[in-house]
Amino acid sequence: MTYVIAEPCVDVLDKACIEECPVDCIYEGNRMLYIHPDECVDCGACEPVCPVEAIFYEDDVPDEWAPYTKANVDFFDELGSPGGASKVGKIDKDDPFVAEQPAKEE
């Protein structure tokens, strides 16, 4: 099991969770952040610092945001497991499910 970032993060990218993550497993895409399912150690440090409450334990993702669990996994299909987000920096893509979401109004 792992933590998942869901819809409230789309187009927000606050990044407080990145600074709190002790294992550097939160990666930045174009429109949202993604937690690497194989690198996450389930510590939960990211969850309370998210200002938009977008981070959930995998079993607790609300039903309406369930597709984000798959999006967090699929985002890493090509990337694999580089062993830390700081090694790769911002990744110029999003999972297709996230990319096709309507833009949030500012």
PDB file of N, CA and C in Angstrom:
ATOM      1  N   MET A   1       0.827  -1.184   0.000  1.00  0.00           N
ATOM      2  CA  MET A   1       0.000   0.000   0.000  1.00  0.00           C
ATOM      3  C   MET A   1       0.877   1.256   0.000  1.00  0.00           C
ATOM      4  N   THR A   2       0.284   2.332  -0.463  1.00  0.00           N
ATOM      5  CA  THR A   2       1.025   3.582  -0.575  1.00  0.00           C
ATOM      6  C   THR A   2       0.059   4.750  -0.447  1.00  0.00           C
ATOM      7  N   TYR A   3       0.590   5.935  -0.476  1.00  0.00           N
ATOM      8  CA  TYR A   3      -0.236   7.135  -0.492  1.00  0.00           C
ATOM      9  C   TYR A   3      -0.460   7.562  -1.941  1.00  0.00           C
ATOM     10  N   VAL A   4      -1.571   8.268  -2.164  1.00  0.00           N
ATOM     11  CA  VAL A   4      -1.996   8.675  -3.495  1.00  0.00           C
ATOM     12  C   VAL A   4      -2.351  10.154  -3.462  1.00  0.00           C
ATOM     13  N   ILE A   5      -1.973  10.867  -4.509  1.00  0.00           N
ATOM     14  CA  ILE A   5      -2.369  12.261  -4.651  1.00  0.00           C
ATOM     15  C   ILE A   5      -3.544  12.300  -5.616  1.00  0.00           C
ATOM     16  N   ALA A   6      -4.618  13.013  -5.234  1.00  0.00           N
ATOM     17  CA  ALA A   6      -5.854  13.009  -6.007  1.00  0.00           C
ATOM     18  C   ALA A   6      -6.179  14.389  -6.585  1.00  0.00           C
ATOM     19  N   GLU A   7      -7.388  14.520  -7.087  1.00  0.00           N
ATOM     20  CA  GLU A   7      -7.870  15.672  -7.847  1.00  0.00           C
ATOM     21  C   GLU A   7      -7.584  17.052  -7.234  1.00  0.00           C
ATOM     22  N   PRO A   8      -7.678  17.244  -5.928  1.00  0.00           N
ATOM     23  CA  PRO A   8      -7.444  18.596  -5.416  1.00  0.00           C
ATOM     24  C   PRO A   8      -6.060  19.175  -5.750  1.00  0.00           C
ATOM     25  N   CYS A   9      -5.103  18.328  -6.101  1.00  0.00           N
ATOM     26  CA  CYS A   9      -3.757  18.804  -6.434  1.00  0.00           C
ATOM     27  C   CYS A   9      -3.643  19.312  -7.872  1.00  0.00           C
ATOM     28  N   VAL A  10      -4.556  18.889  -8.739  1.00  0.00           N
ATOM     29  CA  VAL A  10      -4.459  19.271 -10.149  1.00  0.00           C
ATOM     30  C   VAL A  10      -4.453  20.799 -10.275  1.00  0.00           C
ATOM     31  N   ASP A  11      -3.441  21.299 -10.949  1.00  0.00           N
ATOM     32  CA  ASP A  11      -3.233  22.734 -11.190  1.00  0.00           C
ATOM     33  C   ASP A  11      -2.920  23.542  -9.930  1.00  0.00           C
ATOM     34  N   VAL A  12      -2.615  22.876  -8.815  1.00  0.00           N
ATOM     35  CA  VAL A  12      -2.261  23.580  -7.576  1.00  0.00           C
ATOM     36  C   VAL A  12      -0.755  23.505  -7.340  1.00  0.00           C
ATOM     37  N   LEU A  13      -0.204  22.293  -7.269  1.00  0.00           N
ATOM     38  CA  LEU A  13       1.244  22.074  -7.109  1.00  0.00           C
ATOM     39  C   LEU A  13       1.876  22.884  -5.982  1.00  0.00           C
ATOM     40  N   ASP A  14       1.298  22.804  -4.797  1.00  0.00           N
ATOM     41  CA  ASP A  14       1.818  23.539  -3.644  1.00  0.00           C
ATOM     42  C   ASP A  14       3.229  23.105  -3.242  1.00  0.00           C
ATOM     43  N   LYS A  15       3.511  21.836  -3.283  1.00  0.00           N
ATOM     44  CA  LYS A  15       4.821  21.223  -3.025  1.00  0.00           C
ATOM     45  C   LYS A  15       5.240  21.151  -1.558  1.00  0.00           C
ATOM     46  N   ALA A  16       4.373  21.491  -0.618  1.00  0.00           N
ATOM     47  CA  ALA A  16       4.715  21.327   0.796  1.00  0.00           C
ATOM     48  C   ALA A  16       5.005  19.863   1.100  1.00  0.00           C
ATOM     49  N   CYS A  17       4.312  18.969   0.410  1.00  0.00           N
ATOM     50  CA  CYS A  17       4.508  17.538   0.629  1.00  0.00           C
ATOM     51  C   CYS A  17       5.896  17.089   0.200  1.00  0.00           C
ATOM     52  N   ILE A  18       6.413  17.685  -0.860  1.00  0.00           N
ATOM     53  CA  ILE A  18       7.752  17.331  -1.348  1.00  0.00           C
ATOM     54  C   ILE A  18       8.796  17.628  -0.284  1.00  0.00           C
ATOM     55  N   GLU A  19       8.667  18.772   0.347  1.00  0.00           N
ATOM     56  CA  GLU A  19       9.637  19.169   1.373  1.00  0.00           C
ATOM     57  C   GLU A  19       9.542  18.301   2.616  1.00  0.00           C
ATOM     58  N   GLU A  20       8.365  17.740   2.870  1.00  0.00           N
ATOM     59  CA  GLU A  20       8.153  16.922   4.062  1.00  0.00           C
ATOM     60  C   GLU A  20       8.537  15.458   3.860  1.00  0.00           C
ATOM     61  N   CYS A  21       8.573  14.999   2.618  1.00  0.00           N
ATOM     62  CA  CYS A  21       8.818  13.586   2.316  1.00  0.00           C
ATOM     63  C   CYS A  21      10.264  13.191   2.626  1.00  0.00           C
ATOM     64  N   PRO A  22      10.467  12.242   3.547  1.00  0.00           N
ATOM     65  CA  PRO A  22      11.828  11.858   3.929  1.00  0.00           C
ATOM     66  C   PRO A  22      12.541  10.971   2.901  1.00  0.00           C
ATOM     67  N   VAL A  23      11.792  10.396   1.946  1.00  0.00           N
ATOM     68  CA  VAL A  23      12.416   9.498   0.971  1.00  0.00           C
ATOM     69  C   VAL A  23      12.393  10.042  -0.450  1.00  0.00           C
ATOM     70  N   ASP A  24      11.958  11.281  -0.636  1.00  0.00           N
ATOM     71  CA  ASP A  24      12.011  11.944  -1.948  1.00  0.00           C
ATOM     72  C   ASP A  24      11.244  11.163  -3.013  1.00  0.00           C
ATOM     73  N   CYS A  25      10.010  10.717  -2.667  1.00  0.00           N
ATOM     74  CA  CYS A  25       9.240   9.888  -3.613  1.00  0.00           C
ATOM     75  C   CYS A  25       8.091  10.638  -4.268  1.00  0.00           C
ATOM     76  N   ILE A  26       8.018  11.962  -4.102  1.00  0.00           N
ATOM     77  CA  ILE A  26       6.939  12.736  -4.706  1.00  0.00           C
ATOM     78  C   ILE A  26       7.501  13.501  -5.897  1.00  0.00           C
ATOM     79  N   TYR A  27       6.996  13.152  -7.068  1.00  0.00           N
ATOM     80  CA  TYR A  27       7.504  13.681  -8.333  1.00  0.00           C
ATOM     81  C   TYR A  27       6.556  14.731  -8.891  1.00  0.00           C
ATOM     82  N   GLU A  28       7.107  15.708  -9.591  1.00  0.00           N
ATOM     83  CA  GLU A  28       6.307  16.786 -10.156  1.00  0.00           C
ATOM     84  C   GLU A  28       6.083  16.575 -11.645  1.00  0.00           C
ATOM     85  N   GLY A  29       4.810  16.542 -12.039  1.00  0.00           N
ATOM     86  CA  GLY A  29       4.435  16.536 -13.445  1.00  0.00           C
ATOM     87  C   GLY A  29       4.048  17.952 -13.835  1.00  0.00           C
ATOM     88  N   ASN A  30       3.450  18.109 -14.995  1.00  0.00           N
ATOM     89  CA  ASN A  30       3.048  19.442 -15.446  1.00  0.00           C
ATOM     90  C   ASN A  30       1.891  20.029 -14.651  1.00  0.00           C
ATOM     91  N   ARG A  31       0.915  19.185 -14.289  1.00  0.00           N
ATOM     92  CA  ARG A  31      -0.299  19.703 -13.652  1.00  0.00           C
ATOM     93  C   ARG A  31      -0.523  19.229 -12.231  1.00  0.00           C
ATOM     94  N   MET A  32       0.199  18.217 -11.800  1.00  0.00           N
ATOM     95  CA  MET A  32       0.041  17.745 -10.421  1.00  0.00           C
ATOM     96  C   MET A  32       1.278  16.976  -9.981  1.00  0.00           C
ATOM     97  N   LEU A  33       1.286  16.603  -8.715  1.00  0.00           N
ATOM     98  CA  LEU A  33       2.368  15.821  -8.122  1.00  0.00           C
ATOM     99  C   LEU A  33       1.925  14.361  -8.045  1.00  0.00           C
ATOM    100  N   TYR A  34       2.896  13.456  -8.064  1.00  0.00           N
ATOM    101  CA  TYR A  34       2.623  12.022  -8.057  1.00  0.00           C
ATOM    102  C   TYR A  34       3.526  11.338  -7.033  1.00  0.00           C
ATOM    103  N   ILE A  35       2.965  10.391  -6.289  1.00  0.00           N
ATOM    104  CA  ILE A  35       3.745   9.616  -5.322  1.00  0.00           C
ATOM    105  C   ILE A  35       4.138   8.295  -5.960  1.00  0.00           C
ATOM    106  N   HIS A  36       5.433   8.010  -5.975  1.00  0.00           N
ATOM    107  CA  HIS A  36       5.919   6.766  -6.569  1.00  0.00           C
ATOM    108  C   HIS A  36       5.531   5.604  -5.657  1.00  0.00           C
ATOM    109  N   PRO A  37       4.729   4.654  -6.165  1.00  0.00           N
ATOM    110  CA  PRO A  37       4.229   3.569  -5.313  1.00  0.00           C
ATOM    111  C   PRO A  37       5.302   2.615  -4.805  1.00  0.00           C
ATOM    112  N   ASP A  38       6.417   2.496  -5.516  1.00  0.00           N
ATOM    113  CA  ASP A  38       7.481   1.589  -5.072  1.00  0.00           C
ATOM    114  C   ASP A  38       8.493   2.274  -4.160  1.00  0.00           C
ATOM    115  N   GLU A  39       8.534   3.592  -4.177  1.00  0.00           N
ATOM    116  CA  GLU A  39       9.497   4.324  -3.360  1.00  0.00           C
ATOM    117  C   GLU A  39       8.890   4.835  -2.050  1.00  0.00           C
ATOM    118  N   CYS A  40       7.570   4.968  -2.003  1.00  0.00           N
ATOM    119  CA  CYS A  40       6.876   5.454  -0.810  1.00  0.00           C
ATOM    120  C   CYS A  40       7.030   4.431   0.321  1.00  0.00           C
ATOM    121  N   VAL A  41       7.362   4.916   1.513  1.00  0.00           N
ATOM    122  CA  VAL A  41       7.541   4.033   2.662  1.00  0.00           C
ATOM    123  C   VAL A  41       6.355   4.113   3.629  1.00  0.00           C
ATOM    124  N   ASP A  42       5.270   4.707   3.173  1.00  0.00           N
ATOM    125  CA  ASP A  42       4.033   4.788   3.952  1.00  0.00           C
ATOM    126  C   ASP A  42       4.196   5.490   5.298  1.00  0.00           C
ATOM    127  N   CYS A  43       5.043   6.489   5.356  1.00  0.00           N
ATOM    128  CA  CYS A  43       5.258   7.175   6.632  1.00  0.00           C
ATOM    129  C   CYS A  43       4.131   8.154   6.949  1.00  0.00           C
ATOM    130  N   GLY A  44       3.449   8.661   5.924  1.00  0.00           N
ATOM    131  CA  GLY A  44       2.341   9.576   6.134  1.00  0.00           C
ATOM    132  C   GLY A  44       2.727  11.016   6.394  1.00  0.00           C
ATOM    133  N   ALA A  45       3.994  11.351   6.295  1.00  0.00           N
ATOM    134  CA  ALA A  45       4.436  12.726   6.584  1.00  0.00           C
ATOM    135  C   ALA A  45       3.842  13.742   5.616  1.00  0.00           C
ATOM    136  N   CYS A  46       3.558  13.320   4.403  1.00  0.00           N
ATOM    137  CA  CYS A  46       3.043  14.225   3.376  1.00  0.00           C
ATOM    138  C   CYS A  46       1.589  14.621   3.604  1.00  0.00           C
ATOM    139  N   GLU A  47       0.806  13.719   4.124  1.00  0.00           N
ATOM    140  CA  GLU A  47      -0.643  13.918   4.218  1.00  0.00           C
ATOM    141  C   GLU A  47      -1.063  15.163   5.013  1.00  0.00           C
ATOM    142  N   PRO A  48      -0.568  15.372   6.234  1.00  0.00           N
ATOM    143  CA  PRO A  48      -1.059  16.522   7.005  1.00  0.00           C
ATOM    144  C   PRO A  48      -0.580  17.883   6.498  1.00  0.00           C
ATOM    145  N   VAL A  49       0.461  17.933   5.689  1.00  0.00           N
ATOM    146  CA  VAL A  49       0.963  19.232   5.222  1.00  0.00           C
ATOM    147  C   VAL A  49       0.329  19.689   3.915  1.00  0.00           C
ATOM    148  N   CYS A  50      -0.471  18.850   3.282  1.00  0.00           N
ATOM    149  CA  CYS A  50      -1.103  19.206   2.009  1.00  0.00           C
ATOM    150  C   CYS A  50      -2.204  20.236   2.273  1.00  0.00           C
ATOM    151  N   PRO A  51      -2.043  21.454   1.734  1.00  0.00           N
ATOM    152  CA  PRO A  51      -3.025  22.507   2.028  1.00  0.00           C
ATOM    153  C   PRO A  51      -4.389  22.297   1.366  1.00  0.00           C
ATOM    154  N   VAL A  52      -4.463  21.430   0.354  1.00  0.00           N
ATOM    155  CA  VAL A  52      -5.736  21.181  -0.325  1.00  0.00           C
ATOM    156  C   VAL A  52      -6.293  19.787  -0.020  1.00  0.00           C
ATOM    157  N   GLU A  53      -5.671  19.090   0.925  1.00  0.00           N
ATOM    158  CA  GLU A  53      -6.108  17.758   1.356  1.00  0.00           C
ATOM    159  C   GLU A  53      -6.280  16.800   0.183  1.00  0.00           C
ATOM    160  N   ALA A  54      -5.228  16.716  -0.649  1.00  0.00           N
ATOM    161  CA  ALA A  54      -5.254  15.878  -1.850  1.00  0.00           C
ATOM    162  C   ALA A  54      -4.592  14.522  -1.644  1.00  0.00           C
ATOM    163  N   ILE A  55      -3.979  14.286  -0.493  1.00  0.00           N
ATOM    164  CA  ILE A  55      -3.210  13.057  -0.277  1.00  0.00           C
ATOM    165  C   ILE A  55      -3.991  12.105   0.624  1.00  0.00           C
ATOM    166  N   PHE A  56      -4.101  10.868   0.146  1.00  0.00           N
ATOM    167  CA  PHE A  56      -4.870   9.847   0.851  1.00  0.00           C
ATOM    168  C   PHE A  56      -4.083   8.547   0.896  1.00  0.00           C
ATOM    169  N   TYR A  57      -4.279   7.791   1.979  1.00  0.00           N
ATOM    170  CA  TYR A  57      -3.788   6.423   1.995  1.00  0.00           C
ATOM    171  C   TYR A  57      -4.560   5.682   0.912  1.00  0.00           C
ATOM    172  N   GLU A  58      -3.913   4.795   0.191  1.00  0.00           N
ATOM    173  CA  GLU A  58      -4.502   4.137  -0.976  1.00  0.00           C
ATOM    174  C   GLU A  58      -5.912   3.587  -0.717  1.00  0.00           C
ATOM    175  N   ASP A  59      -6.130   2.970   0.418  1.00  0.00           N
ATOM    176  CA  ASP A  59      -7.441   2.395   0.733  1.00  0.00           C
ATOM    177  C   ASP A  59      -8.488   3.451   1.087  1.00  0.00           C
ATOM    178  N   ASP A  60      -8.062   4.696   1.306  1.00  0.00           N
ATOM    179  CA  ASP A  60      -8.974   5.754   1.748  1.00  0.00           C
ATOM    180  C   ASP A  60      -9.289   6.784   0.673  1.00  0.00           C
ATOM    181  N   VAL A  61      -8.837   6.563  -0.565  1.00  0.00           N
ATOM    182  CA  VAL A  61      -9.125   7.508  -1.645  1.00  0.00           C
ATOM    183  C   VAL A  61     -10.644   7.514  -1.866  1.00  0.00           C
ATOM    184  N   PRO A  62     -11.260   8.707  -1.827  1.00  0.00           N
ATOM    185  CA  PRO A  62     -12.709   8.767  -2.077  1.00  0.00           C
ATOM    186  C   PRO A  62     -13.068   8.167  -3.439  1.00  0.00           C
ATOM    187  N   ASP A  63     -14.226   7.538  -3.513  1.00  0.00           N
ATOM    188  CA  ASP A  63     -14.649   6.850  -4.736  1.00  0.00           C
ATOM    189  C   ASP A  63     -14.588   7.734  -5.969  1.00  0.00           C
ATOM    190  N   GLU A  64     -14.991   8.992  -5.835  1.00  0.00           N
ATOM    191  CA  GLU A  64     -14.998   9.872  -7.012  1.00  0.00           C
ATOM    192  C   GLU A  64     -13.591  10.170  -7.531  1.00  0.00           C
ATOM    193  N   TRP A  65     -12.573   9.929  -6.718  1.00  0.00           N
ATOM    194  CA  TRP A  65     -11.199  10.172  -7.134  1.00  0.00           C
ATOM    195  C   TRP A  65     -10.408   8.876  -7.312  1.00  0.00           C
ATOM    196  N   ALA A  66     -11.076   7.748  -7.325  1.00  0.00           N
ATOM    197  CA  ALA A  66     -10.406   6.450  -7.467  1.00  0.00           C
ATOM    198  C   ALA A  66      -9.492   6.371  -8.688  1.00  0.00           C
ATOM    199  N   PRO A  67      -9.823   6.969  -9.840  1.00  0.00           N
ATOM    200  CA  PRO A  67      -8.917   6.892 -10.995  1.00  0.00           C
ATOM    201  C   PRO A  67      -7.531   7.501 -10.730  1.00  0.00           C
ATOM    202  N   TYR A  68      -7.417   8.338  -9.725  1.00  0.00           N
ATOM    203  CA  TYR A  68      -6.113   8.930  -9.423  1.00  0.00           C
ATOM    204  C   TYR A  68      -5.139   7.911  -8.838  1.00  0.00           C
ATOM    205  N   THR A  69      -5.652   6.835  -8.252  1.00  0.00           N
ATOM    206  CA  THR A  69      -4.769   5.770  -7.767  1.00  0.00           C
ATOM    207  C   THR A  69      -4.020   5.164  -8.945  1.00  0.00           C
ATOM    208  N   LYS A  70      -4.749   4.838 -10.000  1.00  0.00           N
ATOM    209  CA  LYS A  70      -4.131   4.286 -11.210  1.00  0.00           C
ATOM    210  C   LYS A  70      -3.215   5.319 -11.873  1.00  0.00           C
ATOM    211  N   ALA A  71      -3.631   6.576 -11.897  1.00  0.00           N
ATOM    212  CA  ALA A  71      -2.812   7.628 -12.507  1.00  0.00           C
ATOM    213  C   ALA A  71      -1.468   7.770 -11.795  1.00  0.00           C
ATOM    214  N   ASN A  72      -1.465   7.637 -10.455  1.00  0.00           N
ATOM    215  CA  ASN A  72      -0.219   7.733  -9.708  1.00  0.00           C
ATOM    216  C   ASN A  72       0.719   6.584 -10.044  1.00  0.00           C
ATOM    217  N   VAL A  73       0.178   5.411 -10.321  1.00  0.00           N
ATOM    218  CA  VAL A  73       0.997   4.258 -10.699  1.00  0.00           C
ATOM    219  C   VAL A  73       1.466   4.385 -12.151  1.00  0.00           C
ATOM    220  N   ASP A  74       0.519   4.677 -13.048  1.00  0.00           N
ATOM    221  CA  ASP A  74       0.821   4.718 -14.475  1.00  0.00           C
ATOM    222  C   ASP A  74       1.792   5.832 -14.858  1.00  0.00           C
ATOM    223  N   PHE A  75       1.828   6.903 -14.075  1.00  0.00           N
ATOM    224  CA  PHE A  75       2.749   8.010 -14.349  1.00  0.00           C
ATOM    225  C   PHE A  75       4.192   7.516 -14.422  1.00  0.00           C
ATOM    226  N   PHE A  76       4.495   6.448 -13.692  1.00  0.00           N
ATOM    227  CA  PHE A  76       5.870   5.940 -13.598  1.00  0.00           C
ATOM    228  C   PHE A  76       6.173   4.803 -14.563  1.00  0.00           C
ATOM    229  N   ASP A  77       5.234   4.464 -15.463  1.00  0.00           N
ATOM    230  CA  ASP A  77       5.460   3.363 -16.404  1.00  0.00           C
ATOM    231  C   ASP A  77       6.747   3.545 -17.206  1.00  0.00           C
ATOM    232  N   GLU A  78       6.949   4.687 -17.811  1.00  0.00           N
ATOM    233  CA  GLU A  78       8.150   4.939 -18.617  1.00  0.00           C
ATOM    234  C   GLU A  78       9.343   5.333 -17.760  1.00  0.00           C
ATOM    235  N   LEU A  79       9.087   6.040 -16.695  1.00  0.00           N
ATOM    236  CA  LEU A  79      10.161   6.561 -15.843  1.00  0.00           C
ATOM    237  C   LEU A  79      10.834   5.466 -15.015  1.00  0.00           C
ATOM    238  N   GLY A  80      10.059   4.479 -14.615  1.00  0.00           N
ATOM    239  CA  GLY A  80      10.598   3.444 -13.744  1.00  0.00           C
ATOM    240  C   GLY A  80      10.772   3.964 -12.334  1.00  0.00           C
ATOM    241  N   SER A  81      11.824   3.512 -11.661  1.00  0.00           N
ATOM    242  CA  SER A  81      12.098   3.939 -10.295  1.00  0.00           C
ATOM    243  C   SER A  81      13.495   4.545 -10.225  1.00  0.00           C
ATOM    244  N   PRO A  82      13.584   5.868 -10.449  1.00  0.00           N
ATOM    245  CA  PRO A  82      14.895   6.508 -10.464  1.00  0.00           C
ATOM    246  C   PRO A  82      15.541   6.667  -9.088  1.00  0.00           C
ATOM    247  N   GLY A  83      14.808   6.357  -8.025  1.00  0.00           N
ATOM    248  CA  GLY A  83      15.392   6.432  -6.694  1.00  0.00           C
ATOM    249  C   GLY A  83      15.381   7.815  -6.085  1.00  0.00           C
ATOM    250  N   GLY A  84      14.445   8.631  -6.473  1.00  0.00           N
ATOM    251  CA  GLY A  84      14.301   9.949  -5.876  1.00  0.00           C
ATOM    252  C   GLY A  84      13.936  11.015  -6.888  1.00  0.00           C
ATOM    253  N   ALA A  85      12.963  11.829  -6.516  1.00  0.00           N
ATOM    254  CA  ALA A  85      12.473  12.877  -7.409  1.00  0.00           C
ATOM    255  C   ALA A  85      13.518  13.946  -7.684  1.00  0.00           C
ATOM    256  N   SER A  86      14.363  14.233  -6.715  1.00  0.00           N
ATOM    257  CA  SER A  86      15.361  15.291  -6.913  1.00  0.00           C
ATOM    258  C   SER A  86      16.381  14.919  -7.984  1.00  0.00           C
ATOM    259  N   LYS A  87      16.514  13.636  -8.276  1.00  0.00           N
ATOM    260  CA  LYS A  87      17.451  13.188  -9.317  1.00  0.00           C
ATOM    261  C   LYS A  87      16.961  13.535 -10.717  1.00  0.00           C
ATOM    262  N   VAL A  88      15.626  13.633 -10.885  1.00  0.00           N
ATOM    263  CA  VAL A  88      15.067  13.858 -12.222  1.00  0.00           C
ATOM    264  C   VAL A  88      14.441  15.233 -12.407  1.00  0.00           C
ATOM    265  N   GLY A  89      14.100  15.911 -11.318  1.00  0.00           N
ATOM    266  CA  GLY A  89      13.469  17.224 -11.425  1.00  0.00           C
ATOM    267  C   GLY A  89      12.058  17.112 -11.974  1.00  0.00           C
ATOM    268  N   LYS A  90      11.526  18.240 -12.425  1.00  0.00           N
ATOM    269  CA  LYS A  90      10.173  18.261 -12.974  1.00  0.00           C
ATOM    270  C   LYS A  90      10.115  17.414 -14.246  1.00  0.00           C
ATOM    271  N   ILE A  91       9.053  16.627 -14.363  1.00  0.00           N
ATOM    272  CA  ILE A  91       8.874  15.766 -15.522  1.00  0.00           C
ATOM    273  C   ILE A  91       7.839  16.424 -16.427  1.00  0.00           C
ATOM    274  N   ASP A  92       8.190  16.640 -17.671  1.00  0.00           N
ATOM    275  CA  ASP A  92       7.359  17.392 -18.600  1.00  0.00           C
ATOM    276  C   ASP A  92       6.243  16.535 -19.192  1.00  0.00           C
ATOM    277  N   LYS A  93       5.369  16.033 -18.313  1.00  0.00           N
ATOM    278  CA  LYS A  93       4.217  15.235 -18.741  1.00  0.00           C
ATOM    279  C   LYS A  93       3.297  15.043 -17.555  1.00  0.00           C
ATOM    280  N   ASP A  94       2.149  14.476 -17.817  1.00  0.00           N
ATOM    281  CA  ASP A  94       1.210  14.026 -16.794  1.00  0.00           C
ATOM    282  C   ASP A  94       0.633  12.706 -17.268  1.00  0.00           C
ATOM    283  N   ASP A  95       0.054  11.965 -16.354  1.00  0.00           N
ATOM    284  CA  ASP A  95      -0.690  10.795 -16.753  1.00  0.00           C
ATOM    285  C   ASP A  95      -1.814  11.281 -17.667  1.00  0.00           C
ATOM    286  N   PRO A  96      -2.152  10.543 -18.731  1.00  0.00           N
ATOM    287  CA  PRO A  96      -3.208  10.987 -19.646  1.00  0.00           C
ATOM    288  C   PRO A  96      -4.527  11.319 -18.949  1.00  0.00           C
ATOM    289  N   PHE A  97      -4.901  10.568 -17.921  1.00  0.00           N
ATOM    290  CA  PHE A  97      -6.128  10.860 -17.181  1.00  0.00           C
ATOM    291  C   PHE A  97      -6.074  12.265 -16.580  1.00  0.00           C
ATOM    292  N   VAL A  98      -4.938  12.632 -16.021  1.00  0.00           N
ATOM    293  CA  VAL A  98      -4.775  13.957 -15.415  1.00  0.00           C
ATOM    294  C   VAL A  98      -4.709  15.028 -16.500  1.00  0.00           C
ATOM    295  N   ALA A  99      -3.982  14.766 -17.560  1.00  0.00           N
ATOM    296  CA  ALA A  99      -3.814  15.747 -18.636  1.00  0.00           C
ATOM    297  C   ALA A  99      -5.143  16.152 -19.257  1.00  0.00           C
ATOM    298  N   GLU A 100      -6.102  15.241 -19.293  1.00  0.00           N
ATOM    299  CA  GLU A 100      -7.380  15.563 -19.928  1.00  0.00           C
ATOM    300  C   GLU A 100      -8.407  16.188 -18.982  1.00  0.00           C
ATOM    301  N   GLN A 101      -8.039  16.386 -17.718  1.00  0.00           N
ATOM    302  CA  GLN A 101      -8.960  17.038 -16.782  1.00  0.00           C
ATOM    303  C   GLN A 101      -9.111  18.519 -17.144  1.00  0.00           C
ATOM    304  N   PRO A 102     -10.299  19.092 -16.963  1.00  0.00           N
ATOM    305  CA  PRO A 102     -10.464  20.523 -17.255  1.00  0.00           C
ATOM    306  C   PRO A 102      -9.579  21.364 -16.345  1.00  0.00           C
ATOM    307  N   ALA A 103      -9.082  22.463 -16.881  1.00  0.00           N
ATOM    308  CA  ALA A 103      -8.237  23.365 -16.096  1.00  0.00           C
ATOM    309  C   ALA A 103      -9.060  23.990 -14.979  1.00  0.00           C
ATOM    310  N   LYS A 104      -8.416  24.178 -13.829  1.00  0.00           N
ATOM    311  CA  LYS A 104      -9.098  24.826 -12.706  1.00  0.00           C
ATOM    312  C   LYS A 104      -9.035  26.332 -12.881  1.00  0.00           C
ATOM    313  N   GLU A 105     -10.101  26.980 -12.492  1.00  0.00           N
ATOM    314  CA  GLU A 105     -10.140  28.446 -12.524  1.00  0.00           C
ATOM    315  C   GLU A 105      -9.277  28.990 -11.404  1.00  0.00           C
ATOM    316  N   GLU A 106      -8.616  30.095 -11.660  1.00  0.00           N
ATOM    317  CA  GLU A 106      -7.766  30.687 -10.624  1.00  0.00           C
ATOM    318  C   GLU A 106      -8.514  31.722  -9.836  1.00  0.00           C
TER     319      GLU A 106
END
